[in-house]
N, C-alpha and C. Protein backbone atom coordinates (compact mmCIF):
# COMPACT_ATOMS: atom_id res chain seq x y z
N UNK A 1 153.56 82.74 202.75
CA UNK A 1 152.61 83.84 202.79
C UNK A 1 152.54 84.53 201.43
N UNK A 2 151.36 84.98 201.10
CA UNK A 2 151.20 85.74 199.86
C UNK A 2 151.59 87.19 200.11
N UNK A 3 151.72 87.93 199.02
CA UNK A 3 152.04 89.36 199.14
C UNK A 3 150.94 90.09 199.92
N UNK A 4 149.70 89.74 199.68
CA UNK A 4 148.58 90.38 200.38
C UNK A 4 148.62 90.06 201.88
N UNK A 5 148.98 88.83 202.21
CA UNK A 5 149.07 88.44 203.63
C UNK A 5 150.21 89.17 204.32
N UNK A 6 151.31 89.36 203.62
CA UNK A 6 152.44 90.10 204.19
C UNK A 6 152.06 91.55 204.40
N UNK A 7 151.38 92.13 203.42
CA UNK A 7 150.90 93.52 203.55
C UNK A 7 149.98 93.64 204.77
N UNK A 8 149.05 92.71 204.90
CA UNK A 8 148.13 92.73 206.04
C UNK A 8 148.87 92.56 207.36
N UNK A 9 149.92 91.73 207.36
CA UNK A 9 150.72 91.53 208.56
C UNK A 9 151.39 92.84 208.98
N UNK A 10 151.97 93.55 208.04
CA UNK A 10 152.63 94.82 208.35
C UNK A 10 151.61 95.81 208.90
N UNK A 11 150.46 95.90 208.27
CA UNK A 11 149.42 96.81 208.75
C UNK A 11 148.96 96.42 210.15
N UNK A 12 148.78 95.13 210.39
CA UNK A 12 148.36 94.64 211.70
C UNK A 12 149.39 95.00 212.78
N UNK A 13 150.66 94.81 212.48
CA UNK A 13 151.71 95.14 213.43
C UNK A 13 151.71 96.63 213.73
N UNK A 14 151.59 97.45 212.71
CA UNK A 14 151.58 98.90 212.93
C UNK A 14 150.36 99.31 213.74
N UNK A 15 149.22 98.72 213.47
CA UNK A 15 148.01 99.03 214.25
C UNK A 15 148.17 98.61 215.70
N UNK A 16 148.87 97.50 215.95
CA UNK A 16 149.15 97.08 217.33
C UNK A 16 150.04 98.09 218.05
N UNK A 17 150.96 98.68 217.32
CA UNK A 17 151.90 99.65 217.89
C UNK A 17 151.23 101.01 218.06
N UNK A 18 150.45 101.40 217.06
CA UNK A 18 149.79 102.72 217.07
C UNK A 18 148.34 102.53 216.64
N UNK A 19 147.47 102.39 217.63
CA UNK A 19 146.07 102.11 217.32
C UNK A 19 145.33 103.28 216.67
N UNK A 20 146.00 104.42 216.57
CA UNK A 20 145.38 105.57 215.91
C UNK A 20 145.83 105.71 214.45
N UNK A 21 146.70 104.84 214.01
CA UNK A 21 147.20 104.91 212.63
C UNK A 21 146.05 104.71 211.65
N UNK A 22 146.01 105.57 210.65
CA UNK A 22 144.98 105.53 209.62
C UNK A 22 145.60 105.06 208.30
N UNK A 23 145.05 104.01 207.74
CA UNK A 23 145.61 103.43 206.52
C UNK A 23 144.78 103.73 205.28
N UNK A 24 143.73 104.54 205.41
CA UNK A 24 142.84 104.83 204.29
C UNK A 24 143.58 105.46 203.10
N UNK A 25 144.49 106.37 203.38
CA UNK A 25 145.17 107.10 202.31
C UNK A 25 146.65 106.76 202.20
N UNK A 26 147.05 105.63 202.72
CA UNK A 26 148.46 105.26 202.69
C UNK A 26 148.85 104.86 201.27
N UNK A 27 149.88 105.52 200.78
CA UNK A 27 150.43 105.17 199.48
C UNK A 27 151.47 104.06 199.68
N UNK A 28 151.39 102.99 198.92
CA UNK A 28 152.30 101.87 199.12
C UNK A 28 153.76 102.17 198.75
N UNK A 29 153.99 103.30 198.06
CA UNK A 29 155.35 103.63 197.64
C UNK A 29 155.94 104.84 198.35
N UNK A 30 155.24 105.37 199.33
CA UNK A 30 155.74 106.50 200.11
C UNK A 30 156.20 105.99 201.48
N UNK A 31 157.21 106.61 202.07
CA UNK A 31 157.70 106.15 203.37
C UNK A 31 156.60 106.10 204.44
N UNK A 32 156.52 104.96 205.11
CA UNK A 32 155.52 104.78 206.16
C UNK A 32 155.75 105.76 207.31
N UNK A 33 157.00 106.03 207.63
CA UNK A 33 157.31 106.96 208.72
C UNK A 33 156.65 108.32 208.50
N UNK A 34 156.73 108.81 207.27
CA UNK A 34 156.17 110.12 206.95
C UNK A 34 154.64 110.08 206.95
N UNK A 35 154.08 109.04 206.39
CA UNK A 35 152.63 108.97 206.24
C UNK A 35 151.91 108.71 207.55
N UNK A 36 152.53 107.91 208.42
CA UNK A 36 151.86 107.50 209.66
C UNK A 36 152.48 108.13 210.89
N UNK A 37 153.42 109.05 210.67
CA UNK A 37 154.08 109.75 211.76
C UNK A 37 154.71 108.76 212.75
N UNK A 38 155.43 107.78 212.20
CA UNK A 38 156.13 106.80 213.03
C UNK A 38 157.50 107.33 213.38
N UNK A 39 157.89 107.13 214.63
CA UNK A 39 159.24 107.53 215.02
C UNK A 39 160.17 106.32 215.00
N UNK A 40 161.42 106.52 215.34
CA UNK A 40 162.39 105.44 215.26
C UNK A 40 162.07 104.30 216.22
N UNK A 41 161.49 104.60 217.36
CA UNK A 41 161.10 103.55 218.30
C UNK A 41 159.95 102.72 217.73
N UNK A 42 159.00 103.36 217.07
CA UNK A 42 157.91 102.64 216.43
C UNK A 42 158.48 101.68 215.38
N UNK A 43 159.43 102.17 214.62
CA UNK A 43 160.03 101.35 213.57
C UNK A 43 160.73 100.13 214.19
N UNK A 44 161.47 100.35 215.26
CA UNK A 44 162.13 99.23 215.94
C UNK A 44 161.11 98.25 216.51
N UNK A 45 159.99 98.77 216.97
CA UNK A 45 158.92 97.89 217.46
C UNK A 45 158.40 96.99 216.35
N UNK A 46 158.30 97.52 215.14
CA UNK A 46 157.86 96.73 213.99
C UNK A 46 158.86 95.59 213.74
N UNK A 47 160.13 95.93 213.73
CA UNK A 47 161.17 94.93 213.51
C UNK A 47 161.14 93.87 214.61
N UNK A 48 160.99 94.30 215.85
CA UNK A 48 160.96 93.36 216.98
C UNK A 48 159.73 92.46 216.90
N UNK A 49 158.62 93.01 216.47
CA UNK A 49 157.40 92.21 216.35
C UNK A 49 157.54 91.16 215.24
N UNK A 50 158.20 91.52 214.15
CA UNK A 50 158.47 90.54 213.10
C UNK A 50 159.37 89.43 213.63
N UNK A 51 160.32 89.80 214.47
CA UNK A 51 161.20 88.80 215.07
C UNK A 51 160.41 87.89 216.00
N UNK A 52 159.54 88.48 216.80
CA UNK A 52 158.77 87.70 217.77
C UNK A 52 157.77 86.76 217.08
N UNK A 53 157.06 87.28 216.11
CA UNK A 53 156.00 86.49 215.46
C UNK A 53 156.53 85.46 214.48
N UNK A 54 157.61 85.80 213.78
CA UNK A 54 158.07 84.93 212.68
C UNK A 54 159.54 84.55 212.77
N UNK A 55 160.17 84.83 213.88
CA UNK A 55 161.57 84.46 214.10
C UNK A 55 162.50 85.04 213.02
N UNK A 56 162.17 86.24 212.55
CA UNK A 56 162.99 86.88 211.52
C UNK A 56 164.06 87.74 212.16
N UNK A 57 165.27 87.58 211.70
CA UNK A 57 166.38 88.42 212.12
C UNK A 57 166.64 89.40 210.97
N UNK A 58 166.29 90.65 211.19
CA UNK A 58 166.48 91.66 210.15
C UNK A 58 167.69 92.50 210.53
N UNK A 59 168.77 92.42 209.77
CA UNK A 59 169.96 93.20 210.09
C UNK A 59 169.70 94.70 209.94
N UNK A 60 170.35 95.46 210.78
CA UNK A 60 170.14 96.91 210.78
C UNK A 60 170.42 97.53 209.42
N UNK A 61 171.38 97.00 208.70
CA UNK A 61 171.69 97.57 207.38
C UNK A 61 170.55 97.35 206.37
N UNK A 62 169.61 96.45 206.69
CA UNK A 62 168.46 96.21 205.82
C UNK A 62 167.25 97.07 206.17
N UNK A 63 167.30 97.80 207.26
CA UNK A 63 166.16 98.61 207.68
C UNK A 63 165.64 99.54 206.58
N UNK A 64 166.51 100.17 205.78
CA UNK A 64 165.99 101.04 204.72
C UNK A 64 165.08 100.32 203.72
N UNK A 65 165.23 98.99 203.62
CA UNK A 65 164.39 98.23 202.70
C UNK A 65 162.97 98.06 203.25
N UNK A 66 162.74 98.52 204.47
CA UNK A 66 161.41 98.43 205.09
C UNK A 66 160.73 99.79 205.15
N UNK A 67 161.16 100.70 204.32
CA UNK A 67 160.67 102.08 204.39
C UNK A 67 159.21 102.24 203.95
N UNK A 68 158.83 101.58 202.88
CA UNK A 68 157.47 101.73 202.35
C UNK A 68 156.73 100.41 202.50
N UNK A 69 155.43 100.46 202.31
CA UNK A 69 154.64 99.23 202.40
C UNK A 69 155.08 98.24 201.32
N UNK A 70 155.27 98.73 200.10
CA UNK A 70 155.71 97.84 199.02
C UNK A 70 157.11 97.29 199.25
N UNK A 71 158.02 98.13 199.76
CA UNK A 71 159.37 97.63 199.99
C UNK A 71 159.40 96.62 201.13
N UNK A 72 158.52 96.78 202.11
CA UNK A 72 158.39 95.78 203.19
C UNK A 72 157.97 94.44 202.60
N UNK A 73 156.96 94.48 201.76
CA UNK A 73 156.46 93.24 201.15
C UNK A 73 157.56 92.61 200.29
N UNK A 74 158.23 93.42 199.50
CA UNK A 74 159.30 92.90 198.64
C UNK A 74 160.42 92.26 199.46
N UNK A 75 160.79 92.89 200.55
CA UNK A 75 161.86 92.37 201.40
C UNK A 75 161.43 91.10 202.14
N UNK A 76 160.21 91.11 202.67
CA UNK A 76 159.76 90.02 203.51
C UNK A 76 159.26 88.79 202.73
N UNK A 77 158.84 89.00 201.49
CA UNK A 77 158.27 87.89 200.72
C UNK A 77 159.17 86.65 200.67
N UNK A 78 160.45 86.77 200.31
CA UNK A 78 161.27 85.56 200.28
C UNK A 78 161.52 84.98 201.68
N UNK A 79 161.49 85.82 202.70
CA UNK A 79 161.72 85.34 204.07
C UNK A 79 160.52 84.61 204.64
N UNK A 80 159.33 84.97 204.15
CA UNK A 80 158.09 84.41 204.70
C UNK A 80 157.40 83.47 203.72
N UNK A 81 158.07 83.07 202.66
CA UNK A 81 157.41 82.26 201.63
C UNK A 81 156.87 80.94 202.17
N UNK A 82 157.45 80.42 203.22
CA UNK A 82 156.96 79.15 203.79
C UNK A 82 156.15 79.35 205.06
N UNK A 83 155.89 80.58 205.41
CA UNK A 83 155.16 80.85 206.66
C UNK A 83 153.67 80.61 206.50
């Protein structure tokens, strides 16, 4: 997957979880939780959806690396390079 495809995947997953999420003004370097008012359950849903769709096992200690849109892409890029 390309970086753009990974970014779109994250946005798609968040939209599936919260259909009212607005991405027009999302800064790629600011925490998604703050910008989209995501709670801890929403965040876990994102991780679970990545596991379901792409068989990714993301260890809990790596969760902070999924804080922003850019950090999600950076973290997931090597894991999804053959997807």
